[in-house]
PDB file of N, CA and C in Angstrom:
ATOM      1  N   ALA A   1     -76.117-107.198 161.511  1.00  0.00           N
ATOM      2  CA  ALA A   1     -74.875-107.660 162.106  1.00  0.00           C
ATOM      3  C   ALA A   1     -73.738-106.781 161.599  1.00  0.00           C
ATOM      4  N   LEU A   2     -72.910-106.326 162.498  1.00  0.00           N
ATOM      5  CA  LEU A   2     -71.760-105.500 162.157  1.00  0.00           C
ATOM      6  C   LEU A   2     -70.503-106.277 162.498  1.00  0.00           C
ATOM      7  N   PHE A   3     -69.596-106.376 161.523  1.00  0.00           N
ATOM      8  CA  PHE A   3     -68.336-107.065 161.791  1.00  0.00           C
ATOM      9  C   PHE A   3     -67.215-106.409 161.011  1.00  0.00           C
ATOM     10  N   GLU A   4     -65.976-106.739 161.411  1.00  0.00           N
ATOM     11  CA  GLU A   4     -64.786-106.190 160.770  1.00  0.00           C
ATOM     12  C   GLU A   4     -64.090-107.262 159.956  1.00  0.00           C
ATOM     13  N   LEU A   5     -63.627-106.871 158.784  1.00  0.00           N
ATOM     14  CA  LEU A   5     -62.760-107.718 157.972  1.00  0.00           C
ATOM     15  C   LEU A   5     -61.391-107.065 157.955  1.00  0.00           C
ATOM     16  N   LYS A   6     -60.366-107.862 158.172  1.00  0.00           N
ATOM     17  CA  LYS A   6     -59.012-107.325 158.147  1.00  0.00           C
ATOM     18  C   LYS A   6     -58.241-108.029 157.046  1.00  0.00           C
ATOM     19  N   PHE A   7     -57.681-107.233 156.133  1.00  0.00           N
ATOM     20  CA  PHE A   7     -56.849-107.791 155.078  1.00  0.00           C
ATOM     21  C   PHE A   7     -55.797-106.757 154.704  1.00  0.00           C
ATOM     22  N   ASN A   8     -54.601-107.242 154.475  1.00  0.00           N
ATOM     23  CA  ASN A   8     -53.467-106.352 154.172  1.00  0.00           C
ATOM     24  C   ASN A   8     -53.341-105.213 155.185  1.00  0.00           C
ATOM     25  N   LYS A   9     -53.539-105.530 156.443  1.00  0.00           N
ATOM     26  CA  LYS A   9     -53.428-104.572 157.553  1.00  0.00           C
ATOM     27  C   LYS A   9     -54.444-103.435 157.481  1.00  0.00           C
ATOM     28  N   LYS A  10     -55.492-103.610 156.701  1.00  0.00           N
ATOM     29  CA  LYS A  10     -56.558-102.617 156.613  1.00  0.00           C
ATOM     30  C   LYS A  10     -57.845-103.230 157.156  1.00  0.00           C
ATOM     31  N   LEU A  11     -58.656-102.391 157.788  1.00  0.00           N
ATOM     32  CA  LEU A  11     -59.931-102.834 158.328  1.00  0.00           C
ATOM     33  C   LEU A  11     -61.077-102.339 157.452  1.00  0.00           C
ATOM     34  N   LEU A  12     -62.039-103.201 157.242  1.00  0.00           N
ATOM     35  CA  LEU A  12     -63.257-102.851 156.527  1.00  0.00           C
ATOM     36  C   LEU A  12     -64.424-103.295 157.392  1.00  0.00           C
ATOM     37  N   LEU A  13     -65.328-102.387 157.659  1.00  0.00           N
ATOM     38  CA  LEU A  13     -66.534-102.725 158.399  1.00  0.00           C
ATOM     39  C   LEU A  13     -67.601-103.186 157.419  1.00  0.00           C
ATOM     40  N   VAL A  14     -68.349-104.202 157.818  1.00  0.00           N
ATOM     41  CA  VAL A  14     -69.458-104.701 157.012  1.00  0.00           C
ATOM     42  C   VAL A  14     -70.692-104.729 157.911  1.00  0.00           C
ATOM     43  N   LEU A  15     -71.749-104.074 157.460  1.00  0.00           N
ATOM     44  CA  LEU A  15     -73.006-104.048 158.195  1.00  0.00           C
ATOM     45  C   LEU A  15     -74.058-104.753 157.353  1.00  0.00           C
ATOM     46  N   GLY A  16     -74.569-105.854 157.861  1.00  0.00           N
ATOM     47  CA  GLY A  16     -75.642-106.586 157.196  1.00  0.00           C
ATOM     48  C   GLY A  16     -76.980-106.144 157.768  1.00  0.00           C
ATOM     49  N   VAL A  17     -77.928-105.826 156.893  1.00  0.00           N
ATOM     50  CA  VAL A  17     -79.218-105.289 157.324  1.00  0.00           C
ATOM     51  C   VAL A  17     -80.347-106.057 156.654  1.00  0.00           C
ATOM     52  N   TYR A  18     -81.360-106.418 157.451  1.00  0.00           N
ATOM     53  CA  TYR A  18     -82.606-106.934 156.895  1.00  0.00           C
ATOM     54  C   TYR A  18     -83.753-106.216 157.594  1.00  0.00           C
ATOM     55  N   ARG A  19     -84.617-105.588 156.794  1.00  0.00           N
ATOM     56  CA  ARG A  19     -85.824-104.963 157.331  1.00  0.00           C
ATOM     57  C   ARG A  19     -87.024-105.583 156.632  1.00  0.00           C
ATOM     58  N   PRO A  20     -87.841-106.330 157.380  1.00  0.00           N
ATOM     59  CA  PRO A  20     -89.054-106.870 156.760  1.00  0.00           C
ATOM     60  C   PRO A  20     -89.929-105.730 156.243  1.00  0.00           C
ATOM     61  N   GLN A  21     -90.656-105.990 155.203  1.00  0.00           N
ATOM     62  CA  GLN A  21     -91.510-104.961 154.601  1.00  0.00           C
ATOM     63  C   GLN A  21     -92.508-104.407 155.616  1.00  0.00           C
ATOM     64  N   SER A  22     -92.917-105.236 156.568  1.00  0.00           N
ATOM     65  CA  SER A  22     -93.905-104.804 157.559  1.00  0.00           C
ATOM     66  C   SER A  22     -93.294-103.987 158.698  1.00  0.00           C
ATOM     67  N   ALA A  23     -91.966-103.949 158.801  1.00  0.00           N
ATOM     68  CA  ALA A  23     -91.309-103.224 159.896  1.00  0.00           C
ATOM     69  C   ALA A  23     -91.306-101.724 159.622  1.00  0.00           C
ATOM     70  N   ASN A  24     -91.393-100.943 160.668  1.00  0.00           N
ATOM     71  CA  ASN A  24     -91.422 -99.491 160.575  1.00  0.00           C
ATOM     72  C   ASN A  24     -90.080 -98.964 160.077  1.00  0.00           C
ATOM     73  N   LEU A  25     -90.104 -98.180 159.007  1.00  0.00           N
ATOM     74  CA  LEU A  25     -88.862 -97.664 158.421  1.00  0.00           C
ATOM     75  C   LEU A  25     -88.178 -96.655 159.338  1.00  0.00           C
ATOM     76  N   ASP A  26     -88.939 -95.818 160.026  1.00  0.00           N
ATOM     77  CA  ASP A  26     -88.328 -94.837 160.926  1.00  0.00           C
ATOM     78  C   ASP A  26     -87.563 -95.525 162.054  1.00  0.00           C
ATOM     79  N   THR A  27     -88.119 -96.587 162.588  1.00  0.00           N
ATOM     80  CA  THR A  27     -87.430 -97.355 163.629  1.00  0.00           C
ATOM     81  C   THR A  27     -86.165 -97.978 163.067  1.00  0.00           C
ATOM     82  N   ALA A  28     -86.262 -98.545 161.877  1.00  0.00           N
ATOM     83  CA  ALA A  28     -85.099 -99.184 161.247  1.00  0.00           C
ATOM     84  C   ALA A  28     -83.993 -98.170 160.974  1.00  0.00           C
ATOM     85  N   THR A  29     -84.344 -96.996 160.451  1.00  0.00           N
ATOM     86  CA  THR A  29     -83.309 -96.002 160.153  1.00  0.00           C
ATOM     87  C   THR A  29     -82.668 -95.467 161.433  1.00  0.00           C
ATOM     88  N   ALA A  30     -83.430 -95.376 162.510  1.00  0.00           N
ATOM     89  CA  ALA A  30     -82.860 -94.936 163.790  1.00  0.00           C
ATOM     90  C   ALA A  30     -81.830 -95.944 164.293  1.00  0.00           C
ATOM     91  N   ILE A  31     -82.147 -97.223 164.180  1.00  0.00           N
ATOM     92  CA  ILE A  31     -81.218 -98.274 164.614  1.00  0.00           C
ATOM     93  C   ILE A  31     -79.971 -98.274 163.736  1.00  0.00           C
ATOM     94  N   ILE A  32     -80.163 -98.168 162.423  1.00  0.00           N
ATOM     95  CA  ILE A  32     -79.022 -98.161 161.497  1.00  0.00           C
ATOM     96  C   ILE A  32     -78.152 -96.931 161.750  1.00  0.00           C
ATOM     97  N   SER A  33     -78.770 -95.785 161.958  1.00  0.00           N
ATOM     98  CA  SER A  33     -78.018 -94.558 162.222  1.00  0.00           C
ATOM     99  C   SER A  33     -77.168 -94.702 163.483  1.00  0.00           C
ATOM    100  N   GLU A  34     -77.735 -95.283 164.512  1.00  0.00           N
ATOM    101  CA  GLU A  34     -76.998 -95.508 165.759  1.00  0.00           C
ATOM    102  C   GLU A  34     -75.791 -96.416 165.523  1.00  0.00           C
ATOM    103  N   GLN A  35     -75.989 -97.477 164.747  1.00  0.00           N
ATOM    104  CA  GLN A  35     -74.886 -98.388 164.424  1.00  0.00           C
ATOM    105  C   GLN A  35     -73.802 -97.670 163.623  1.00  0.00           C
ATOM    106  N   LEU A  36     -74.213 -96.850 162.663  1.00  0.00           N
ATOM    107  CA  LEU A  36     -73.245 -96.127 161.837  1.00  0.00           C
ATOM    108  C   LEU A  36     -72.463 -95.103 162.655  1.00  0.00           C
ATOM    109  N   GLU A  37     -73.132 -94.413 163.559  1.00  0.00           N
ATOM    110  CA  GLU A  37     -72.435 -93.433 164.401  1.00  0.00           C
ATOM    111  C   GLU A  37     -71.341 -94.105 165.218  1.00  0.00           C
ATOM    112  N   ARG A  38     -71.668 -95.249 165.809  1.00  0.00           N
ATOM    113  CA  ARG A  38     -70.673 -95.976 166.602  1.00  0.00           C
ATOM    114  C   ARG A  38     -69.562 -96.518 165.723  1.00  0.00           C
ATOM    115  N   ALA A  39     -69.942 -97.117 164.618  1.00  0.00           N
ATOM    116  CA  ALA A  39     -68.964 -97.780 163.747  1.00  0.00           C
ATOM    117  C   ALA A  39     -68.024 -96.785 163.081  1.00  0.00           C
ATOM    118  N   LEU A  40     -68.546 -95.635 162.710  1.00  0.00           N
ATOM    119  CA  LEU A  40     -67.741 -94.687 161.941  1.00  0.00           C
ATOM    120  C   LEU A  40     -67.098 -93.600 162.797  1.00  0.00           C
ATOM    121  N   ALA A  41     -67.175 -93.738 164.102  1.00  0.00           N
ATOM    122  CA  ALA A  41     -66.524 -92.771 164.992  1.00  0.00           C
ATOM    123  C   ALA A  41     -65.021 -92.727 164.739  1.00  0.00           C
ATOM    124  N   ALA A  42     -64.453 -93.837 164.287  1.00  0.00           N
ATOM    125  CA  ALA A  42     -63.012 -93.911 164.012  1.00  0.00           C
ATOM    126  C   ALA A  42     -62.697 -93.673 162.536  1.00  0.00           C
ATOM    127  N   ASP A  43     -63.659 -93.126 161.773  1.00  0.00           N
ATOM    128  CA  ASP A  43     -63.443 -92.792 160.363  1.00  0.00           C
ATOM    129  C   ASP A  43     -62.966 -93.997 159.556  1.00  0.00           C
ATOM    130  N   ARG A  44     -63.735 -95.055 159.576  1.00  0.00           N
ATOM    131  CA  ARG A  44     -63.390 -96.283 158.859  1.00  0.00           C
ATOM    132  C   ARG A  44     -64.213 -96.418 157.585  1.00  0.00           C
ATOM    133  N   GLN A  45     -63.742 -97.307 156.736  1.00  0.00           N
ATOM    134  CA  GLN A  45     -64.496 -97.626 155.526  1.00  0.00           C
ATOM    135  C   GLN A  45     -65.538 -98.685 155.877  1.00  0.00           C
ATOM    136  N   ILE A  46     -66.708 -98.560 155.245  1.00  0.00           N
ATOM    137  CA  ILE A  46     -67.803 -99.470 155.555  1.00  0.00           C
ATOM    138  C   ILE A  46     -68.550 -99.857 154.289  1.00  0.00           C
ATOM    139  N   VAL A  47     -69.070-101.070 154.304  1.00  0.00           N
ATOM    140  CA  VAL A  47     -69.981-101.560 153.276  1.00  0.00           C
ATOM    141  C   VAL A  47     -71.245-102.003 154.002  1.00  0.00           C
ATOM    142  N   ILE A  48     -72.384-101.562 153.503  1.00  0.00           N
ATOM    143  CA  ILE A  48     -73.681-101.974 154.041  1.00  0.00           C
ATOM    144  C   ILE A  48     -74.359-102.789 152.959  1.00  0.00           C
ATOM    145  N   MET A  49     -74.914-103.917 153.338  1.00  0.00           N
ATOM    146  CA  MET A  49     -75.625-104.725 152.344  1.00  0.00           C
ATOM    147  C   MET A  49     -76.760-105.472 153.005  1.00  0.00           C
ATOM    148  N   GLY A  50     -77.718-105.841 152.190  1.00  0.00           N
ATOM    149  CA  GLY A  50     -78.842-106.604 152.697  1.00  0.00           C
ATOM    150  C   GLY A  50     -80.123-106.224 151.986  1.00  0.00           C
ATOM    151  N   ASP A  51     -81.215-106.443 152.683  1.00  0.00           N
ATOM    152  CA  ASP A  51     -82.548-106.211 152.135  1.00  0.00           C
ATOM    153  C   ASP A  51     -83.241-105.176 153.010  1.00  0.00           C
ATOM    154  N   ILE A  52     -83.386-103.976 152.489  1.00  0.00           N
ATOM    155  CA  ILE A  52     -83.997-102.882 153.241  1.00  0.00           C
ATOM    156  C   ILE A  52     -85.475-102.727 152.882  1.00  0.00           C
ATOM    157  N   ASN A  53     -85.911-103.399 151.806  1.00  0.00           N
ATOM    158  CA  ASN A  53     -87.298-103.329 151.347  1.00  0.00           C
ATOM    159  C   ASN A  53     -87.747-101.902 151.051  1.00  0.00           C
ATOM    160  N   VAL A  54     -86.857-101.139 150.428  1.00  0.00           N
ATOM    161  CA  VAL A  54     -87.176 -99.795 149.937  1.00  0.00           C
ATOM    162  C   VAL A  54     -86.729 -99.757 148.481  1.00  0.00           C
ATOM    163  N   ASP A  55     -87.681 -99.512 147.588  1.00  0.00           N
ATOM    164  CA  ASP A  55     -87.396 -99.555 146.154  1.00  0.00           C
ATOM    165  C   ASP A  55     -86.502 -98.392 145.735  1.00  0.00           C
ATOM    166  N   ASN A  56     -85.336 -98.722 145.224  1.00  0.00           N
ATOM    167  CA  ASN A  56     -84.392 -97.702 144.767  1.00  0.00           C
ATOM    168  C   ASN A  56     -84.703 -97.227 143.348  1.00  0.00           C
ATOM    169  N   LEU A  57     -85.612 -97.893 142.659  1.00  0.00           N
ATOM    170  CA  LEU A  57     -85.941 -97.520 141.283  1.00  0.00           C
ATOM    171  C   LEU A  57     -87.083 -96.511 141.203  1.00  0.00           C
ATOM    172  N   ALA A  58     -87.849 -96.379 142.281  1.00  0.00           N
ATOM    173  CA  ALA A  58     -88.995 -95.470 142.278  1.00  0.00           C
ATOM    174  C   ALA A  58     -88.517 -94.021 142.245  1.00  0.00           C
ATOM    175  N   ALA A  59     -89.126 -93.221 141.376  1.00  0.00           N
ATOM    176  CA  ALA A  59     -88.696 -91.828 141.212  1.00  0.00           C
ATOM    177  C   ALA A  59     -89.093 -90.967 142.413  1.00  0.00           C
ATOM    178  N   ASP A  60     -90.361 -90.907 142.724  1.00  0.00           N
ATOM    179  CA  ASP A  60     -90.852 -90.108 143.854  1.00  0.00           C
ATOM    180  C   ASP A  60     -91.279 -91.053 144.960  1.00  0.00           C
ATOM    181  N   ASN A  61     -90.359 -91.308 145.875  1.00  0.00           N
ATOM    182  CA  ASN A  61     -90.602 -92.291 146.912  1.00  0.00           C
ATOM    183  C   ASN A  61     -90.117 -91.726 148.247  1.00  0.00           C
ATOM    184  N   THR A  62     -91.047 -91.516 149.170  1.00  0.00           N
ATOM    185  CA  THR A  62     -90.704 -90.975 150.484  1.00  0.00           C
ATOM    186  C   THR A  62     -89.731 -91.880 151.221  1.00  0.00           C
ATOM    187  N   GLU A  63     -89.935 -93.197 151.121  1.00  0.00           N
ATOM    188  CA  GLU A  63     -89.044 -94.131 151.805  1.00  0.00           C
ATOM    189  C   GLU A  63     -87.630 -94.056 151.237  1.00  0.00           C
ATOM    190  N   LYS A  64     -87.524 -93.945 149.925  1.00  0.00           N
ATOM    191  CA  LYS A  64     -86.203 -93.813 149.293  1.00  0.00           C
ATOM    192  C   LYS A  64     -85.506 -92.550 149.790  1.00  0.00           C
ATOM    193  N   SER A  65     -86.249 -91.455 149.925  1.00  0.00           N
ATOM    194  CA  SER A  65     -85.682 -90.201 150.439  1.00  0.00           C
ATOM    195  C   SER A  65     -85.189 -90.360 151.873  1.00  0.00           C
ATOM    196  N   LYS A  66     -85.920 -91.117 152.683  1.00  0.00           N
ATOM    197  CA  LYS A  66     -85.492 -91.351 154.065  1.00  0.00           C
ATOM    198  C   LYS A  66     -84.165 -92.107 154.104  1.00  0.00           C
ATOM    199  N   ILE A  67     -84.000 -93.069 153.205  1.00  0.00           N
ATOM    200  CA  ILE A  67     -82.746 -93.825 153.140  1.00  0.00           C
ATOM    201  C   ILE A  67     -81.607 -92.905 152.713  1.00  0.00           C
ATOM    202  N   GLU A  68     -81.846 -92.078 151.708  1.00  0.00           N
ATOM    203  CA  GLU A  68     -80.815 -91.134 151.253  1.00  0.00           C
ATOM    204  C   GLU A  68     -80.441 -90.158 152.367  1.00  0.00           C
ATOM    205  N   ASP A  69     -81.440 -89.686 153.119  1.00  0.00           N
ATOM    206  CA  ASP A  69     -81.191 -88.775 154.239  1.00  0.00           C
ATOM    207  C   ASP A  69     -80.404 -89.460 155.352  1.00  0.00           C
ATOM    208  N   LEU A  70     -80.635 -90.744 155.542  1.00  0.00           N
ATOM    209  CA  LEU A  70     -79.892 -91.517 156.542  1.00  0.00           C
ATOM    210  C   LEU A  70     -78.420 -91.613 156.171  1.00  0.00           C
ATOM    211  N   LEU A  71     -78.128 -91.889 154.910  1.00  0.00           N
ATOM    212  CA  LEU A  71     -76.761 -92.158 154.469  1.00  0.00           C
ATOM    213  C   LEU A  71     -75.922 -90.897 154.266  1.00  0.00           C
ATOM    214  N   MET A  72     -76.551 -89.796 153.876  1.00  0.00           N
ATOM    215  CA  MET A  72     -75.826 -88.585 153.493  1.00  0.00           C
ATOM    216  C   MET A  72     -74.852 -88.069 154.561  1.00  0.00           C
ATOM    217  N   PRO A  73     -75.231 -87.950 155.838  1.00  0.00           N
ATOM    218  CA  PRO A  73     -74.283 -87.408 156.829  1.00  0.00           C
ATOM    219  C   PRO A  73     -73.032 -88.269 157.020  1.00  0.00           C
ATOM    220  N   PHE A  74     -73.114 -89.530 156.622  1.00  0.00           N
ATOM    221  CA  PHE A  74     -71.985 -90.447 156.770  1.00  0.00           C
ATOM    222  C   PHE A  74     -71.170 -90.561 155.481  1.00  0.00           C
ATOM    223  N   ASN A  75     -71.546 -89.763 154.470  1.00  0.00           N
ATOM    224  CA  ASN A  75     -70.883 -89.805 153.161  1.00  0.00           C
ATOM    225  C   ASN A  75     -70.928 -91.211 152.554  1.00  0.00           C
ATOM    226  N   ILE A  76     -72.074 -91.854 152.719  1.00  0.00           N
ATOM    227  CA  ILE A  76     -72.287 -93.203 152.197  1.00  0.00           C
ATOM    228  C   ILE A  76     -73.250 -93.107 151.023  1.00  0.00           C
ATOM    229  N   LYS A  77     -72.927 -93.813 149.957  1.00  0.00           N
ATOM    230  CA  LYS A  77     -73.764 -93.824 148.753  1.00  0.00           C
ATOM    231  C   LYS A  77     -74.369 -95.210 148.554  1.00  0.00           C
ATOM    232  N   ARG A  78     -75.613 -95.224 148.107  1.00  0.00           N
ATOM    233  CA  ARG A  78     -76.287 -96.471 147.751  1.00  0.00           C
ATOM    234  C   ARG A  78     -76.033 -96.738 146.279  1.00  0.00           C
ATOM    235  N   LEU A  79     -75.535 -97.929 145.977  1.00  0.00           N
ATOM    236  CA  LEU A  79     -75.301 -98.294 144.584  1.00  0.00           C
ATOM    237  C   LEU A  79     -76.627 -98.503 143.876  1.00  0.00           C
ATOM    238  N   ASN A  80     -76.667 -98.145 142.613  1.00  0.00           N
ATOM    239  CA  ASN A  80     -77.856 -98.382 141.804  1.00  0.00           C
ATOM    240  C   ASN A  80     -77.814 -99.806 141.277  1.00  0.00           C
ATOM    241  N   LEU A  81     -78.580-100.673 141.920  1.00  0.00           N
ATOM    242  CA  LEU A  81     -78.644-102.070 141.506  1.00  0.00           C
ATOM    243  C   LEU A  81     -79.760-102.252 140.490  1.00  0.00           C
ATOM    244  N   PRO A  82     -79.640-103.251 139.639  1.00  0.00           N
ATOM    245  CA  PRO A  82     -80.735-103.543 138.710  1.00  0.00           C
ATOM    246  C   PRO A  82     -81.923-104.101 139.490  1.00  0.00           C
ATOM    247  N   PRO A  83     -83.070-104.247 138.837  1.00  0.00           N
ATOM    248  CA  PRO A  83     -84.220-104.831 139.525  1.00  0.00           C
ATOM    249  C   PRO A  83     -83.852-106.186 140.138  1.00  0.00           C
ATOM    250  N   THR A  84     -84.255-106.355 141.392  1.00  0.00           N
ATOM    251  CA  THR A  84     -83.959-107.600 142.103  1.00  0.00           C
ATOM    252  C   THR A  84     -85.227-108.374 142.440  1.00  0.00           C
ATOM    253  N   ARG A  85     -86.366-107.747 142.227  1.00  0.00           N
ATOM    254  CA  ARG A  85     -87.653-108.428 142.403  1.00  0.00           C
ATOM    255  C   ARG A  85     -88.501-108.068 141.190  1.00  0.00           C
ATOM    256  N   ILE A  86     -88.751-109.061 140.362  1.00  0.00           N
ATOM    257  CA  ILE A  86     -89.455-108.829 139.100  1.00  0.00           C
ATOM    258  C   ILE A  86     -90.699-109.708 139.048  1.00  0.00           C
ATOM    259  N   THR A  87     -91.842-109.076 138.758  1.00  0.00           N
ATOM    260  CA  THR A  87     -93.083-109.810 138.536  1.00  0.00           C
ATOM    261  C   THR A  87     -93.565-109.479 137.129  1.00  0.00           C
ATOM    262  N   ASN A  88     -94.727-109.992 136.765  1.00  0.00           N
ATOM    263  CA  ASN A  88     -95.295-109.682 135.449  1.00  0.00           C
ATOM    264  C   ASN A  88     -95.618-108.198 135.300  1.00  0.00           C
ATOM    265  N   ASN A  89     -95.891-107.518 136.425  1.00  0.00           N
ATOM    266  CA  ASN A  89     -96.336-106.126 136.373  1.00  0.00           C
ATOM    267  C   ASN A  89     -95.353-105.110 136.947  1.00  0.00           C
ATOM    268  N   THR A  90     -94.373-105.562 137.712  1.00  0.00           N
ATOM    269  CA  THR A  90     -93.480-104.619 138.387  1.00  0.00           C
ATOM    270  C   THR A  90     -92.033-105.095 138.353  1.00  0.00           C
ATOM    271  N   ALA A  91     -91.153-104.155 138.596  1.00  0.00           N
ATOM    272  CA  ALA A  91     -89.728-104.457 138.782  1.00  0.00           C
ATOM    273  C   ALA A  91     -89.215-103.497 139.849  1.00  0.00           C
ATOM    274  N   THR A  92     -88.673-104.049 140.919  1.00  0.00           N
ATOM    275  CA  THR A  92     -88.171-103.223 142.009  1.00  0.00           C
ATOM    276  C   THR A  92     -86.753-103.637 142.384  1.00  0.00           C
ATOM    277  N   SER A  93     -86.070-102.717 143.018  1.00  0.00           N
ATOM    278  CA  SER A  93     -84.729-102.978 143.537  1.00  0.00           C
ATOM    279  C   SER A  93     -84.765-102.671 145.029  1.00  0.00           C
ATOM    280  N   ILE A  94     -85.080-103.691 145.838  1.00  0.00           N
ATOM    281  CA  ILE A  94     -85.297-103.480 147.271  1.00  0.00           C
ATOM    282  C   ILE A  94     -84.108-103.908 148.127  1.00  0.00           C
ATOM    283  N   GLU A  95     -83.111-104.523 147.518  1.00  0.00           N
ATOM    284  CA  GLU A  95     -81.888-104.838 148.245  1.00  0.00           C
ATOM    285  C   GLU A  95     -80.971-103.626 148.149  1.00  0.00           C
ATOM    286  N   TRP A  96     -79.954-103.609 149.004  1.00  0.00           N
ATOM    287  CA  TRP A  96     -79.033-102.485 148.910  1.00  0.00           C
ATOM    288  C   TRP A  96     -77.606-102.891 149.181  1.00  0.00           C
ATOM    289  N   ILE A  97     -76.727-102.193 148.501  1.00  0.00           N
ATOM    290  CA  ILE A  97     -75.293-102.227 148.768  1.00  0.00           C
ATOM    291  C   ILE A  97     -74.879-100.763 148.812  1.00  0.00           C
ATOM    292  N   CYS A  98     -74.274-100.372 149.916  1.00  0.00           N
ATOM    293  CA  CYS A  98     -73.883 -98.981 150.128  1.00  0.00           C
ATOM    294  C   CYS A  98     -72.450 -98.958 150.636  1.00  0.00           C
ATOM    295  N   SER A  99     -71.759 -97.844 150.400  1.00  0.00           N
ATOM    296  CA  SER A  99     -70.380 -97.758 150.861  1.00  0.00           C
ATOM    297  C   SER A  99     -69.903 -96.316 150.920  1.00  0.00           C
ATOM    298  N   ASN A 100     -68.895 -96.102 151.746  1.00  0.00           N
ATOM    299  CA  ASN A 100     -68.204 -94.814 151.783  1.00  0.00           C
ATOM    300  C   ASN A 100     -66.801 -94.943 151.197  1.00  0.00           C
ATOM    301  N   ILE A 101     -66.563 -96.012 150.484  1.00  0.00           N
ATOM    302  CA  ILE A 101     -65.246 -96.267 149.880  1.00  0.00           C
ATOM    303  C   ILE A 101     -65.143 -95.516 148.559  1.00  0.00           C
TER     304      ILE A 101
END
């Protein structure tokens, strides 16, 4: 869902994203890229948040690289969040908050 917040005469775009783990990442990034192209055509500030189901803590991760490649042309950075899914054997950070602010 993409919506605008207006405060102090400034606009902030917020894009909420959920990608189930079983959903194709290439399809998801294509949809997100299309939304970003439309939303940022007017050079606005944006925050992206939600659950992308791509571990940001993994060092060599093809999916993580795809997310970075998606965000780079829009000058958007993914924040380094602490582990958000912790089990006895693993710790992952699969949610995301990103911004060009």
